[in-house]
Full PDB file with SEQRES, HELIX, SHEET, SSBOND, CRYST1, ORIGX, SCALE, CONECT and MASTER records, all heavy atoms in Angstrom:
SEQRES   1 A   36  ARG THR GLY ILE VAL GLY SER PHE ASP TYR ARG LEU GLU          
SEQRES   2 A   36  TRP VAL PRO ASP PRO ALA ASN MET PRO MET ILE ASN GLY          
SEQRES   3 A   36  ALA LYS PRO ASP GLY SER LYS LEU ASP GLY                      
HELIX    1 AA1 PRO A   18  ASN A   20  5                                   3    
CRYST1    1.000    1.000    1.000  90.00  90.00  90.00 P 1           1          
ORIGX1      1.000000  0.000000  0.000000        0.00000                         
ORIGX2      0.000000  1.000000  0.000000        0.00000                         
ORIGX3      0.000000  0.000000  1.000000        0.00000                         
SCALE1      1.000000  0.000000  0.000000        0.00000                         
SCALE2      0.000000  1.000000  0.000000        0.00000                         
SCALE3      0.000000  0.000000  1.000000        0.00000                         
ATOM      1  N   ARG A   1     -17.917  95.318  15.707  1.00  0.00           N  
ATOM      2  CA  ARG A   1     -17.396  96.737  15.607  1.00  0.00           C  
ATOM      3  C   ARG A   1     -16.010  96.800  16.188  1.00  0.00           C  
ATOM      4  O   ARG A   1     -15.559  97.889  16.713  1.00  0.00           O  
ATOM      5  CB  ARG A   1     -18.334  97.580  16.551  1.00  0.00           C  
ATOM      6  CG  ARG A   1     -19.796  97.702  16.009  1.00  0.00           C  
ATOM      7  CD  ARG A   1     -20.548  98.627  16.743  1.00  0.00           C  
ATOM      8  NE  ARG A   1     -21.817  98.816  16.126  1.00  0.00           N  
ATOM      9  CZ  ARG A   1     -22.885  99.275  16.644  1.00  0.00           C  
ATOM     10  NH1 ARG A   1     -22.872  99.689  17.885  1.00  0.00           N  
ATOM     11  NH2 ARG A   1     -24.048  99.369  15.958  1.00  0.00           N  
ATOM     12  N   THR A   2     -15.217  95.741  15.981  1.00  0.00           N  
ATOM     13  CA  THR A   2     -13.916  95.696  16.565  1.00  0.00           C  
ATOM     14  C   THR A   2     -12.947  96.353  15.640  1.00  0.00           C  
ATOM     15  O   THR A   2     -11.918  96.848  16.077  1.00  0.00           O  
ATOM     16  CB  THR A   2     -13.407  94.202  16.706  1.00  0.00           C  
ATOM     17  OG1 THR A   2     -13.348  93.652  15.405  1.00  0.00           O  
ATOM     18  CG2 THR A   2     -14.239  93.475  17.679  1.00  0.00           C  
ATOM     19  N   GLY A   3     -13.152  96.339  14.303  1.00  0.00           N  
ATOM     20  CA  GLY A   3     -12.216  96.866  13.404  1.00  0.00           C  
ATOM     21  C   GLY A   3     -11.024  95.903  13.130  1.00  0.00           C  
ATOM     22  O   GLY A   3     -10.146  96.275  12.322  1.00  0.00           O  
ATOM     23  N   ILE A   4     -11.096  94.770  13.688  1.00  0.00           N  
ATOM     24  CA  ILE A   4     -10.023  93.762  13.475  1.00  0.00           C  
ATOM     25  C   ILE A   4     -10.391  92.950  12.289  1.00  0.00           C  
ATOM     26  O   ILE A   4     -11.456  92.506  12.052  1.00  0.00           O  
ATOM     27  CB  ILE A   4      -9.991  92.830  14.731  1.00  0.00           C  
ATOM     28  CG1 ILE A   4      -9.664  93.620  15.956  1.00  0.00           C  
ATOM     29  CG2 ILE A   4      -8.951  91.760  14.521  1.00  0.00           C  
ATOM     30  CD1 ILE A   4      -9.742  92.706  17.208  1.00  0.00           C  
ATOM     31  N   VAL A   5      -9.313  92.886  11.363  1.00  0.00           N  
ATOM     32  CA  VAL A   5      -9.473  92.101  10.089  1.00  0.00           C  
ATOM     33  C   VAL A   5      -8.479  90.943  10.026  1.00  0.00           C  
ATOM     34  O   VAL A   5      -7.598  90.931  10.789  1.00  0.00           O  
ATOM     35  CB  VAL A   5      -9.301  93.015   8.859  1.00  0.00           C  
ATOM     36  CG1 VAL A   5     -10.346  94.148   8.762  1.00  0.00           C  
ATOM     37  CG2 VAL A   5      -7.883  93.699   8.848  1.00  0.00           C  
ATOM     38  N   GLY A   6      -8.743  90.000   9.297  1.00  0.00           N  
ATOM     39  CA  GLY A   6      -7.889  88.931   9.098  1.00  0.00           C  
ATOM     40  C   GLY A   6      -8.561  87.637   9.465  1.00  0.00           C  
ATOM     41  O   GLY A   6      -9.747  87.580   9.907  1.00  0.00           O  
ATOM     42  N   SER A   7      -7.876  86.508   9.305  1.00  0.00           N  
ATOM     43  CA  SER A   7      -8.396  85.101   9.609  1.00  0.00           C  
ATOM     44  C   SER A   7      -7.724  84.720  10.943  1.00  0.00           C  
ATOM     45  O   SER A   7      -6.612  84.980  11.266  1.00  0.00           O  
ATOM     46  CB  SER A   7      -8.038  84.171   8.545  1.00  0.00           C  
ATOM     47  OG  SER A   7      -8.654  84.641   7.397  1.00  0.00           O  
ATOM     48  N   PHE A   8      -8.618  84.030  11.769  1.00  0.00           N  
ATOM     49  CA  PHE A   8      -8.132  83.473  13.012  1.00  0.00           C  
ATOM     50  C   PHE A   8      -8.560  82.094  13.274  1.00  0.00           C  
ATOM     51  O   PHE A   8      -9.649  81.718  12.801  1.00  0.00           O  
ATOM     52  CB  PHE A   8      -8.820  84.430  14.144  1.00  0.00           C  
ATOM     53  CG  PHE A   8      -8.375  85.914  14.037  1.00  0.00           C  
ATOM     54  CD1 PHE A   8      -9.217  86.686  13.335  1.00  0.00           C  
ATOM     55  CD2 PHE A   8      -7.251  86.350  14.607  1.00  0.00           C  
ATOM     56  CE1 PHE A   8      -8.871  88.043  13.188  1.00  0.00           C  
ATOM     57  CE2 PHE A   8      -6.872  87.722  14.485  1.00  0.00           C  
ATOM     58  CZ  PHE A   8      -7.779  88.607  13.778  1.00  0.00           C  
ATOM     59  N   ASP A   9      -7.814  81.353  14.010  1.00  0.00           N  
ATOM     60  CA  ASP A   9      -8.125  80.032  14.507  1.00  0.00           C  
ATOM     61  C   ASP A   9      -8.509  80.256  15.950  1.00  0.00           C  
ATOM     62  O   ASP A   9      -7.748  80.855  16.770  1.00  0.00           O  
ATOM     63  CB  ASP A   9      -7.025  79.056  14.360  1.00  0.00           C  
ATOM     64  CG  ASP A   9      -6.677  78.728  12.980  1.00  0.00           C  
ATOM     65  OD1 ASP A   9      -7.647  78.601  12.228  1.00  0.00           O  
ATOM     66  OD2 ASP A   9      -5.530  78.362  12.653  1.00  0.00           O  
ATOM     67  N   TYR A  10      -9.667  79.808  16.327  1.00  0.00           N  
ATOM     68  CA  TYR A  10     -10.159  80.031  17.751  1.00  0.00           C  
ATOM     69  C   TYR A  10     -10.959  78.756  18.143  1.00  0.00           C  
ATOM     70  O   TYR A  10     -11.500  78.076  17.378  1.00  0.00           O  
ATOM     71  CB  TYR A  10     -10.836  81.230  17.967  1.00  0.00           C  
ATOM     72  CG  TYR A  10     -12.237  81.320  17.128  1.00  0.00           C  
ATOM     73  CD1 TYR A  10     -13.364  80.971  17.764  1.00  0.00           C  
ATOM     74  CD2 TYR A  10     -12.259  81.803  15.855  1.00  0.00           C  
ATOM     75  CE1 TYR A  10     -14.653  80.974  17.099  1.00  0.00           C  
ATOM     76  CE2 TYR A  10     -13.433  81.810  15.167  1.00  0.00           C  
ATOM     77  CZ  TYR A  10     -14.654  81.297  15.792  1.00  0.00           C  
ATOM     78  OH  TYR A  10     -15.862  81.408  15.106  1.00  0.00           O  
ATOM     79  N   ARG A  11     -10.988  78.606  19.466  1.00  0.00           N  
ATOM     80  CA  ARG A  11     -11.805  77.594  20.115  1.00  0.00           C  
ATOM     81  C   ARG A  11     -12.589  78.239  21.109  1.00  0.00           C  
ATOM     82  O   ARG A  11     -11.951  78.906  22.033  1.00  0.00           O  
ATOM     83  CB  ARG A  11     -10.938  76.451  20.580  1.00  0.00           C  
ATOM     84  CG  ARG A  11     -11.728  75.431  21.180  1.00  0.00           C  
ATOM     85  CD  ARG A  11     -10.783  74.258  21.779  1.00  0.00           C  
ATOM     86  NE  ARG A  11     -11.570  73.256  22.451  1.00  0.00           N  
ATOM     87  CZ  ARG A  11     -11.662  71.981  22.263  1.00  0.00           C  
ATOM     88  NH1 ARG A  11     -10.816  71.594  21.229  1.00  0.00           N  
ATOM     89  NH2 ARG A  11     -12.356  71.183  22.876  1.00  0.00           N  
ATOM     90  N   LEU A  12     -13.863  78.013  21.162  1.00  0.00           N  
ATOM     91  CA  LEU A  12     -14.675  78.668  22.177  1.00  0.00           C  
ATOM     92  C   LEU A  12     -15.591  77.513  22.774  1.00  0.00           C  
ATOM     93  O   LEU A  12     -16.257  76.892  22.069  1.00  0.00           O  
ATOM     94  CB  LEU A  12     -15.600  79.781  21.482  1.00  0.00           C  
ATOM     95  CG  LEU A  12     -16.446  80.581  22.381  1.00  0.00           C  
ATOM     96  CD1 LEU A  12     -15.630  81.450  23.404  1.00  0.00           C  
ATOM     97  CD2 LEU A  12     -17.267  81.594  21.606  1.00  0.00           C  
ATOM     98  N   GLU A  13     -15.572  77.406  24.142  1.00  0.00           N  
ATOM     99  CA  GLU A  13     -16.351  76.393  24.728  1.00  0.00           C  
ATOM    100  C   GLU A  13     -17.388  77.136  25.716  1.00  0.00           C  
ATOM    101  O   GLU A  13     -16.922  77.977  26.476  1.00  0.00           O  
ATOM    102  CB  GLU A  13     -15.475  75.540  25.602  1.00  0.00           C  
ATOM    103  CG  GLU A  13     -14.555  74.574  24.695  1.00  0.00           C  
ATOM    104  CD  GLU A  13     -13.699  73.627  25.433  1.00  0.00           C  
ATOM    105  OE1 GLU A  13     -13.846  73.557  26.700  1.00  0.00           O  
ATOM    106  OE2 GLU A  13     -12.799  73.063  24.801  1.00  0.00           O  
ATOM    107  N   TRP A  14     -18.627  76.764  25.641  1.00  0.00           N  
ATOM    108  CA  TRP A  14     -19.738  77.365  26.355  1.00  0.00           C  
ATOM    109  C   TRP A  14     -20.844  76.337  26.523  1.00  0.00           C  
ATOM    110  O   TRP A  14     -20.895  75.278  25.858  1.00  0.00           O  
ATOM    111  CB  TRP A  14     -20.135  78.560  25.816  1.00  0.00           C  
ATOM    112  CG  TRP A  14     -21.063  78.478  24.750  1.00  0.00           C  
ATOM    113  CD1 TRP A  14     -22.433  78.466  24.610  1.00  0.00           C  
ATOM    114  CD2 TRP A  14     -20.666  78.258  23.281  1.00  0.00           C  
ATOM    115  NE1 TRP A  14     -22.929  78.290  23.361  1.00  0.00           N  
ATOM    116  CE2 TRP A  14     -21.897  78.170  22.530  1.00  0.00           C  
ATOM    117  CE3 TRP A  14     -19.418  78.149  22.561  1.00  0.00           C  
ATOM    118  CZ2 TRP A  14     -21.897  77.884  21.147  1.00  0.00           C  
ATOM    119  CZ3 TRP A  14     -19.483  77.936  21.260  1.00  0.00           C  
ATOM    120  CH2 TRP A  14     -20.680  77.912  20.545  1.00  0.00           C  
ATOM    121  N   VAL A  15     -21.749  76.592  27.414  1.00  0.00           N  
ATOM    122  CA  VAL A  15     -22.903  75.753  27.654  1.00  0.00           C  
ATOM    123  C   VAL A  15     -24.075  76.622  26.977  1.00  0.00           C  
ATOM    124  O   VAL A  15     -24.259  77.733  27.241  1.00  0.00           O  
ATOM    125  CB  VAL A  15     -23.281  75.600  29.196  1.00  0.00           C  
ATOM    126  CG1 VAL A  15     -24.524  74.827  29.321  1.00  0.00           C  
ATOM    127  CG2 VAL A  15     -22.066  74.787  29.735  1.00  0.00           C  
ATOM    128  N   PRO A  16     -24.803  75.898  26.006  1.00  0.00           N  
ATOM    129  CA  PRO A  16     -25.878  76.548  25.451  1.00  0.00           C  
ATOM    130  C   PRO A  16     -26.974  76.939  26.412  1.00  0.00           C  
ATOM    131  O   PRO A  16     -27.244  76.320  27.391  1.00  0.00           O  
ATOM    132  CB  PRO A  16     -26.462  75.598  24.329  1.00  0.00           C  
ATOM    133  CG  PRO A  16     -25.302  74.454  24.347  1.00  0.00           C  
ATOM    134  CD  PRO A  16     -24.592  74.543  25.523  1.00  0.00           C  
ATOM    135  N   ASP A  17     -27.671  78.097  26.098  1.00  0.00           N  
ATOM    136  CA  ASP A  17     -28.769  78.468  26.894  1.00  0.00           C  
ATOM    137  C   ASP A  17     -29.919  77.596  26.557  1.00  0.00           C  
ATOM    138  O   ASP A  17     -30.290  77.405  25.345  1.00  0.00           O  
ATOM    139  CB  ASP A  17     -29.215  79.948  26.515  1.00  0.00           C  
ATOM    140  CG  ASP A  17     -30.388  80.462  27.344  1.00  0.00           C  
ATOM    141  OD1 ASP A  17     -30.968  79.722  28.121  1.00  0.00           O  
ATOM    142  OD2 ASP A  17     -30.726  81.615  27.082  1.00  0.00           O  
ATOM    143  N   PRO A  18     -30.536  76.881  27.533  1.00  0.00           N  
ATOM    144  CA  PRO A  18     -31.710  75.950  27.234  1.00  0.00           C  
ATOM    145  C   PRO A  18     -32.857  76.650  26.498  1.00  0.00           C  
ATOM    146  O   PRO A  18     -33.502  76.003  25.711  1.00  0.00           O  
ATOM    147  CB  PRO A  18     -32.116  75.520  28.620  1.00  0.00           C  
ATOM    148  CG  PRO A  18     -30.969  75.715  29.559  1.00  0.00           C  
ATOM    149  CD  PRO A  18     -30.172  76.908  28.972  1.00  0.00           C  
ATOM    150  N   ALA A  19     -33.067  77.970  26.714  1.00  0.00           N  
ATOM    151  CA  ALA A  19     -34.144  78.643  26.076  1.00  0.00           C  
ATOM    152  C   ALA A  19     -33.908  78.693  24.479  1.00  0.00           C  
ATOM    153  O   ALA A  19     -34.863  78.803  23.719  1.00  0.00           O  
ATOM    154  CB  ALA A  19     -34.299  80.068  26.536  1.00  0.00           C  
ATOM    155  N   ASN A  20     -32.620  78.676  24.095  1.00  0.00           N  
ATOM    156  CA  ASN A  20     -32.276  78.648  22.628  1.00  0.00           C  
ATOM    157  C   ASN A  20     -32.056  77.296  22.045  1.00  0.00           C  
ATOM    158  O   ASN A  20     -31.773  77.256  20.889  1.00  0.00           O  
ATOM    159  CB  ASN A  20     -31.038  79.611  22.460  1.00  0.00           C  
ATOM    160  CG  ASN A  20     -31.332  81.019  22.762  1.00  0.00           C  
ATOM    161  OD1 ASN A  20     -32.410  81.498  22.687  1.00  0.00           O  
ATOM    162  ND2 ASN A  20     -30.220  81.725  23.085  1.00  0.00           N  
ATOM    163  N   MET A  21     -32.237  76.305  22.846  1.00  0.00           N  
ATOM    164  CA  MET A  21     -31.966  74.875  22.357  1.00  0.00           C  
ATOM    165  C   MET A  21     -33.203  74.363  21.675  1.00  0.00           C  
ATOM    166  O   MET A  21     -34.365  74.713  22.013  1.00  0.00           O  
ATOM    167  CB  MET A  21     -31.573  73.995  23.627  1.00  0.00           C  
ATOM    168  CG  MET A  21     -30.276  74.386  24.182  1.00  0.00           C  
ATOM    169  SD  MET A  21     -29.817  73.442  25.579  1.00  0.00           S  
ATOM    170  CE  MET A  21     -29.436  71.868  24.843  1.00  0.00           C  
ATOM    171  N   PRO A  22     -32.957  73.532  20.648  1.00  0.00           N  
ATOM    172  CA  PRO A  22     -34.160  72.982  19.913  1.00  0.00           C  
ATOM    173  C   PRO A  22     -34.920  71.982  20.784  1.00  0.00           C  
ATOM    174  O   PRO A  22     -34.366  71.486  21.782  1.00  0.00           O  
ATOM    175  CB  PRO A  22     -33.438  72.273  18.767  1.00  0.00           C  
ATOM    176  CG  PRO A  22     -32.108  71.997  19.265  1.00  0.00           C  
ATOM    177  CD  PRO A  22     -31.654  73.062  20.201  1.00  0.00           C  
ATOM    178  N   MET A  23     -36.132  71.781  20.329  1.00  0.00           N  
ATOM    179  CA  MET A  23     -36.980  70.855  21.133  1.00  0.00           C  
ATOM    180  C   MET A  23     -36.573  69.498  20.692  1.00  0.00           C  
ATOM    181  O   MET A  23     -36.198  69.192  19.562  1.00  0.00           O  
ATOM    182  CB  MET A  23     -38.544  71.107  20.778  1.00  0.00           C  
ATOM    183  CG  MET A  23     -38.949  72.352  21.301  1.00  0.00           C  
ATOM    184  SD  MET A  23     -40.677  72.664  21.039  1.00  0.00           S  
ATOM    185  CE  MET A  23     -41.407  71.616  22.284  1.00  0.00           C  
ATOM    186  N   ILE A  24     -36.559  68.515  21.670  1.00  0.00           N  
ATOM    187  CA  ILE A  24     -36.221  67.161  21.476  1.00  0.00           C  
ATOM    188  C   ILE A  24     -37.478  66.313  21.951  1.00  0.00           C  
ATOM    189  O   ILE A  24     -37.833  66.446  23.173  1.00  0.00           O  
ATOM    190  CB  ILE A  24     -34.937  66.723  22.161  1.00  0.00           C  
ATOM    191  CG1 ILE A  24     -33.788  67.582  21.655  1.00  0.00           C  
ATOM    192  CG2 ILE A  24     -34.683  65.236  21.924  1.00  0.00           C  
ATOM    193  CD1 ILE A  24     -32.577  67.354  22.439  1.00  0.00           C  
ATOM    194  N   ASN A  25     -38.027  65.499  21.072  1.00  0.00           N  
ATOM    195  CA  ASN A  25     -39.234  64.748  21.435  1.00  0.00           C  
ATOM    196  C   ASN A  25     -40.289  65.639  22.063  1.00  0.00           C  
ATOM    197  O   ASN A  25     -40.935  65.244  23.102  1.00  0.00           O  
ATOM    198  CB  ASN A  25     -38.919  63.713  22.474  1.00  0.00           C  
ATOM    199  CG  ASN A  25     -37.962  62.567  21.743  1.00  0.00           C  
ATOM    200  OD1 ASN A  25     -38.130  62.366  20.565  1.00  0.00           O  
ATOM    201  ND2 ASN A  25     -37.029  62.011  22.568  1.00  0.00           N  
ATOM    202  N   GLY A  26     -40.525  66.833  21.436  1.00  0.00           N  
ATOM    203  CA  GLY A  26     -41.597  67.765  21.958  1.00  0.00           C  
ATOM    204  C   GLY A  26     -41.318  68.512  23.191  1.00  0.00           C  
ATOM    205  O   GLY A  26     -42.219  69.208  23.645  1.00  0.00           O  
ATOM    206  N   ALA A  27     -40.108  68.475  23.760  1.00  0.00           N  
ATOM    207  CA  ALA A  27     -39.770  69.130  24.920  1.00  0.00           C  
ATOM    208  C   ALA A  27     -38.440  69.801  24.788  1.00  0.00           C  
ATOM    209  O   ALA A  27     -37.531  69.269  24.163  1.00  0.00           O  
ATOM    210  CB  ALA A  27     -39.876  68.231  26.165  1.00  0.00           C  
ATOM    211  N   LYS A  28     -38.271  70.942  25.427  1.00  0.00           N  
ATOM    212  CA  LYS A  28     -36.887  71.532  25.574  1.00  0.00           C  
ATOM    213  C   LYS A  28     -36.081  70.996  26.730  1.00  0.00           C  
ATOM    214  O   LYS A  28     -36.694  70.811  27.763  1.00  0.00           O  
ATOM    215  CB  LYS A  28     -37.048  73.163  25.725  1.00  0.00           C  
ATOM    216  CG  LYS A  28     -37.501  73.754  24.381  1.00  0.00           C  
ATOM    217  CD  LYS A  28     -37.111  75.199  24.587  1.00  0.00           C  
ATOM    218  CE  LYS A  28     -37.566  75.909  23.252  1.00  0.00           C  
ATOM    219  NZ  LYS A  28     -36.315  76.348  22.443  1.00  0.00           N  
ATOM    220  N   PRO A  29     -34.814  70.873  26.571  1.00  0.00           N  
ATOM    221  CA  PRO A  29     -33.989  70.411  27.610  1.00  0.00           C  
ATOM    222  C   PRO A  29     -34.054  71.407  28.741  1.00  0.00           C  
ATOM    223  O   PRO A  29     -34.106  72.649  28.529  1.00  0.00           O  
ATOM    224  CB  PRO A  29     -32.527  70.271  27.046  1.00  0.00           C  
ATOM    225  CG  PRO A  29     -32.762  70.383  25.640  1.00  0.00           C  
ATOM    226  CD  PRO A  29     -34.134  71.007  25.373  1.00  0.00           C  
ATOM    227  N   ASP A  30     -34.023  70.948  30.091  1.00  0.00           N  
ATOM    228  CA  ASP A  30     -34.114  71.890  31.189  1.00  0.00           C  
ATOM    229  C   ASP A  30     -32.739  72.676  31.474  1.00  0.00           C  
ATOM    230  O   ASP A  30     -32.712  73.625  32.160  1.00  0.00           O  
ATOM    231  CB  ASP A  30     -34.680  71.249  32.456  1.00  0.00           C  
ATOM    232  CG  ASP A  30     -33.761  70.202  32.994  1.00  0.00           C  
ATOM    233  OD1 ASP A  30     -32.644  70.047  32.615  1.00  0.00           O  
ATOM    234  OD2 ASP A  30     -34.245  69.513  33.953  1.00  0.00           O  
ATOM    235  N   GLY A  31     -31.685  72.062  30.993  1.00  0.00           N  
ATOM    236  CA  GLY A  31     -30.356  72.641  31.172  1.00  0.00           C  
ATOM    237  C   GLY A  31     -29.774  72.570  32.654  1.00  0.00           C  
ATOM    238  O   GLY A  31     -28.696  73.043  32.893  1.00  0.00           O  
ATOM    239  N   SER A  32     -30.554  71.843  33.609  1.00  0.00           N  
ATOM    240  CA  SER A  32     -29.987  71.837  34.977  1.00  0.00           C  
ATOM    241  C   SER A  32     -28.776  70.868  35.067  1.00  0.00           C  
ATOM    242  O   SER A  32     -28.055  71.043  36.104  1.00  0.00           O  
ATOM    243  CB  SER A  32     -31.152  71.226  35.816  1.00  0.00           C  
ATOM    244  OG  SER A  32     -31.515  69.980  35.482  1.00  0.00           O  
ATOM    245  N   LYS A  33     -28.577  70.112  34.130  1.00  0.00           N  
ATOM    246  CA  LYS A  33     -27.417  69.216  34.191  1.00  0.00           C  
ATOM    247  C   LYS A  33     -26.176  69.711  33.422  1.00  0.00           C  
ATOM    248  O   LYS A  33     -25.108  69.133  33.340  1.00  0.00           O  
ATOM    249  CB  LYS A  33     -27.711  67.764  33.631  1.00  0.00           C  
ATOM    250  CG  LYS A  33     -28.804  67.153  34.488  1.00  0.00           C  
ATOM    251  CD  LYS A  33     -29.256  65.814  33.992  1.00  0.00           C  
ATOM    252  CE  LYS A  33     -30.271  65.223  34.926  1.00  0.00           C  
ATOM    253  NZ  LYS A  33     -31.154  64.359  34.229  1.00  0.00           N  
ATOM    254  N   LEU A  34     -26.364  70.929  32.845  1.00  0.00           N  
ATOM    255  CA  LEU A  34     -25.310  71.573  32.100  1.00  0.00           C  
ATOM    256  C   LEU A  34     -24.453  72.466  32.947  1.00  0.00           C  
ATOM    257  O   LEU A  34     -24.968  73.150  33.733  1.00  0.00           O  
ATOM    258  CB  LEU A  34     -25.904  72.426  30.897  1.00  0.00           C  
ATOM    259  CG  LEU A  34     -26.729  71.644  29.874  1.00  0.00           C  
ATOM    260  CD1 LEU A  34     -27.345  72.577  28.933  1.00  0.00           C  
ATOM    261  CD2 LEU A  34     -25.951  70.580  29.167  1.00  0.00           C  
ATOM    262  N   ASP A  35     -23.111  72.353  32.856  1.00  0.00           N  
ATOM    263  CA  ASP A  35     -22.299  73.049  33.722  1.00  0.00           C  
ATOM    264  C   ASP A  35     -21.158  73.755  32.868  1.00  0.00           C  
ATOM    265  O   ASP A  35     -20.486  73.031  32.195  1.00  0.00           O  
ATOM    266  CB  ASP A  35     -21.614  72.144  34.783  1.00  0.00           C  
ATOM    267  CG  ASP A  35     -20.834  72.946  35.755  1.00  0.00           C  
ATOM    268  OD1 ASP A  35     -21.150  74.018  36.043  1.00  0.00           O  
ATOM    269  OD2 ASP A  35     -19.852  72.331  36.239  1.00  0.00           O  
ATOM    270  N   GLY A  36     -21.019  75.044  33.035  1.00  0.00           N  
ATOM    271  CA  GLY A  36     -20.025  75.757  32.223  1.00  0.00           C  
ATOM    272  C   GLY A  36     -20.380  77.191  31.996  1.00  0.00           C  
ATOM    273  O   GLY A  36     -21.418  77.689  32.506  1.00  0.00           O  
TER     274      GLY A  36                                                      
MASTER        0    0    0    1    0    0    0    6  273    1    0    3          
END                                                                             
């Protein structure tokens, strides 16, 4: 809803929410070691 048009180069760094992370070997990562 910004109304901004055009193409942009951007870089975004974040730590994924463990709740939205895929399961690995039948378990979700706990996220306790993620910092950011």
